[in-house]
Protein backbone atom coordinates (compact mmCIF):
# COMPACT_ATOMS: atom_id res chain seq x y z
CA UNK A 1 0.00 0.00 0.00
CA UNK A 2 1.33 3.37 -1.00
CA UNK A 3 1.90 6.04 1.64
CA UNK A 4 0.00 8.61 -0.40
CA UNK A 5 -3.19 6.52 -0.16
CA UNK A 6 -2.79 6.27 3.59
CA UNK A 7 -2.28 10.03 3.90
CA UNK A 8 -5.28 10.74 1.67
CA UNK A 9 -7.41 8.41 3.74
CA UNK A 10 -6.28 10.00 6.99
CA UNK A 11 -6.92 13.49 5.65
CA UNK A 12 -10.43 12.51 4.55
CA UNK A 13 -11.05 10.95 7.94
CA UNK A 14 -9.85 14.10 9.70
CA UNK A 15 -12.03 16.29 7.50
CA UNK A 16 -15.05 14.10 8.18
CA UNK A 17 -14.38 14.17 11.91
CA UNK A 18 -14.07 17.97 11.77
CA UNK A 19 -17.42 18.29 10.04
CA UNK A 20 -19.13 16.00 12.56
CA UNK A 21 -17.60 17.82 15.52
CA UNK A 22 -18.59 21.19 14.09
CA UNK A 23 -22.20 20.04 13.69
CA UNK A 24 -22.20 18.61 17.22
CA UNK A 25 -20.85 21.88 18.60
CA UNK A 26 -23.63 23.81 16.87
CA UNK A 27 -26.23 21.44 18.29
CA UNK A 28 -24.83 21.86 21.82
CA UNK A 29 -24.79 25.67 21.46
CA UNK A 30 -28.43 25.61 20.35
CA UNK A 31 -29.43 23.49 23.34
CA UNK A 32 -27.60 25.82 25.73
CA UNK A 33 -29.38 28.83 24.23
CA UNK A 34 -32.76 27.10 24.52
CA UNK A 35 -32.04 26.33 28.17
CA UNK A 36 -31.11 29.97 28.89
CA UNK A 37 -34.27 31.21 27.19
CA UNK A 38 -36.41 28.77 29.14
CA UNK A 39 -34.80 29.84 32.43
CA UNK A 40 -35.42 33.53 31.67
CA UNK A 41 -39.04 32.89 30.66
CA UNK A 42 -39.69 30.88 33.82
CA UNK A 43 -38.04 33.60 35.91
CA UNK A 44 -40.20 36.29 34.31
CA UNK A 45 -43.36 34.23 34.80
CA UNK A 46 -42.61 33.59 38.45
CA UNK A 47 -42.02 37.33 39.02
CA UNK A 48 -45.30 38.08 37.26
CA UNK A 49 -47.20 35.62 39.48
CA UNK A 50 -45.72 37.15 42.64
CA UNK A 51 -46.92 40.67 41.77
CA UNK A 52 -50.12 41.76 43.57
C-alpha atoms as a PDB file:
ATOM      1  CA  UNK A   1       0.000   0.000   0.000  1.00  0.00           C
ATOM      2  CA  UNK A   2       1.326   3.370  -1.004  1.00  0.00           C
ATOM      3  CA  UNK A   3       1.900   6.036   1.642  1.00  0.00           C
ATOM      4  CA  UNK A   4       0.002   8.609  -0.396  1.00  0.00           C
ATOM      5  CA  UNK A   5      -3.190   6.519  -0.163  1.00  0.00           C
ATOM      6  CA  UNK A   6      -2.786   6.272   3.592  1.00  0.00           C
ATOM      7  CA  UNK A   7      -2.284  10.029   3.904  1.00  0.00           C
ATOM      8  CA  UNK A   8      -5.278  10.744   1.670  1.00  0.00           C
ATOM      9  CA  UNK A   9      -7.411   8.414   3.745  1.00  0.00           C
ATOM     10  CA  UNK A  10      -6.280  10.000   6.989  1.00  0.00           C
ATOM     11  CA  UNK A  11      -6.919  13.487   5.645  1.00  0.00           C
ATOM     12  CA  UNK A  12     -10.430  12.506   4.549  1.00  0.00           C
ATOM     13  CA  UNK A  13     -11.049  10.945   7.943  1.00  0.00           C
ATOM     14  CA  UNK A  14      -9.846  14.097   9.703  1.00  0.00           C
ATOM     15  CA  UNK A  15     -12.026  16.287   7.495  1.00  0.00           C
ATOM     16  CA  UNK A  16     -15.049  14.097   8.179  1.00  0.00           C
ATOM     17  CA  UNK A  17     -14.382  14.175  11.914  1.00  0.00           C
ATOM     18  CA  UNK A  18     -14.070  17.967  11.771  1.00  0.00           C
ATOM     19  CA  UNK A  19     -17.425  18.289  10.042  1.00  0.00           C
ATOM     20  CA  UNK A  20     -19.128  16.003  12.557  1.00  0.00           C
ATOM     21  CA  UNK A  21     -17.598  17.819  15.516  1.00  0.00           C
ATOM     22  CA  UNK A  22     -18.593  21.192  14.086  1.00  0.00           C
ATOM     23  CA  UNK A  23     -22.197  20.040  13.693  1.00  0.00           C
ATOM     24  CA  UNK A  24     -22.201  18.609  17.216  1.00  0.00           C
ATOM     25  CA  UNK A  25     -20.845  21.880  18.596  1.00  0.00           C
ATOM     26  CA  UNK A  26     -23.634  23.805  16.873  1.00  0.00           C
ATOM     27  CA  UNK A  27     -26.230  21.436  18.293  1.00  0.00           C
ATOM     28  CA  UNK A  28     -24.830  21.863  21.815  1.00  0.00           C
ATOM     29  CA  UNK A  29     -24.785  25.666  21.459  1.00  0.00           C
ATOM     30  CA  UNK A  30     -28.427  25.613  20.347  1.00  0.00           C
ATOM     31  CA  UNK A  31     -29.432  23.494  23.340  1.00  0.00           C
ATOM     32  CA  UNK A  32     -27.601  25.824  25.728  1.00  0.00           C
ATOM     33  CA  UNK A  33     -29.384  28.828  24.232  1.00  0.00           C
ATOM     34  CA  UNK A  34     -32.765  27.102  24.521  1.00  0.00           C
ATOM     35  CA  UNK A  35     -32.041  26.334  28.171  1.00  0.00           C
ATOM     36  CA  UNK A  36     -31.110  29.965  28.889  1.00  0.00           C
ATOM     37  CA  UNK A  37     -34.270  31.214  27.189  1.00  0.00           C
ATOM     38  CA  UNK A  38     -36.413  28.766  29.143  1.00  0.00           C
ATOM     39  CA  UNK A  39     -34.797  29.841  32.428  1.00  0.00           C
ATOM     40  CA  UNK A  40     -35.422  33.529  31.674  1.00  0.00           C
ATOM     41  CA  UNK A  41     -39.040  32.894  30.663  1.00  0.00           C
ATOM     42  CA  UNK A  42     -39.685  30.878  33.821  1.00  0.00           C
ATOM     43  CA  UNK A  43     -38.041  33.598  35.910  1.00  0.00           C
ATOM     44  CA  UNK A  44     -40.197  36.288  34.306  1.00  0.00           C
ATOM     45  CA  UNK A  45     -43.363  34.230  34.796  1.00  0.00           C
ATOM     46  CA  UNK A  46     -42.605  33.591  38.454  1.00  0.00           C
ATOM     47  CA  UNK A  47     -42.019  37.326  39.021  1.00  0.00           C
ATOM     48  CA  UNK A  48     -45.299  38.082  37.257  1.00  0.00           C
ATOM     49  CA  UNK A  49     -47.202  35.619  39.476  1.00  0.00           C
ATOM     50  CA  UNK A  50     -45.725  37.154  42.641  1.00  0.00           C
ATOM     51  CA  UNK A  51     -46.917  40.674  41.772  1.00  0.00           C
ATOM     52  CA  UNK A  52     -50.120  41.759  43.573  1.00  0.00           C
END
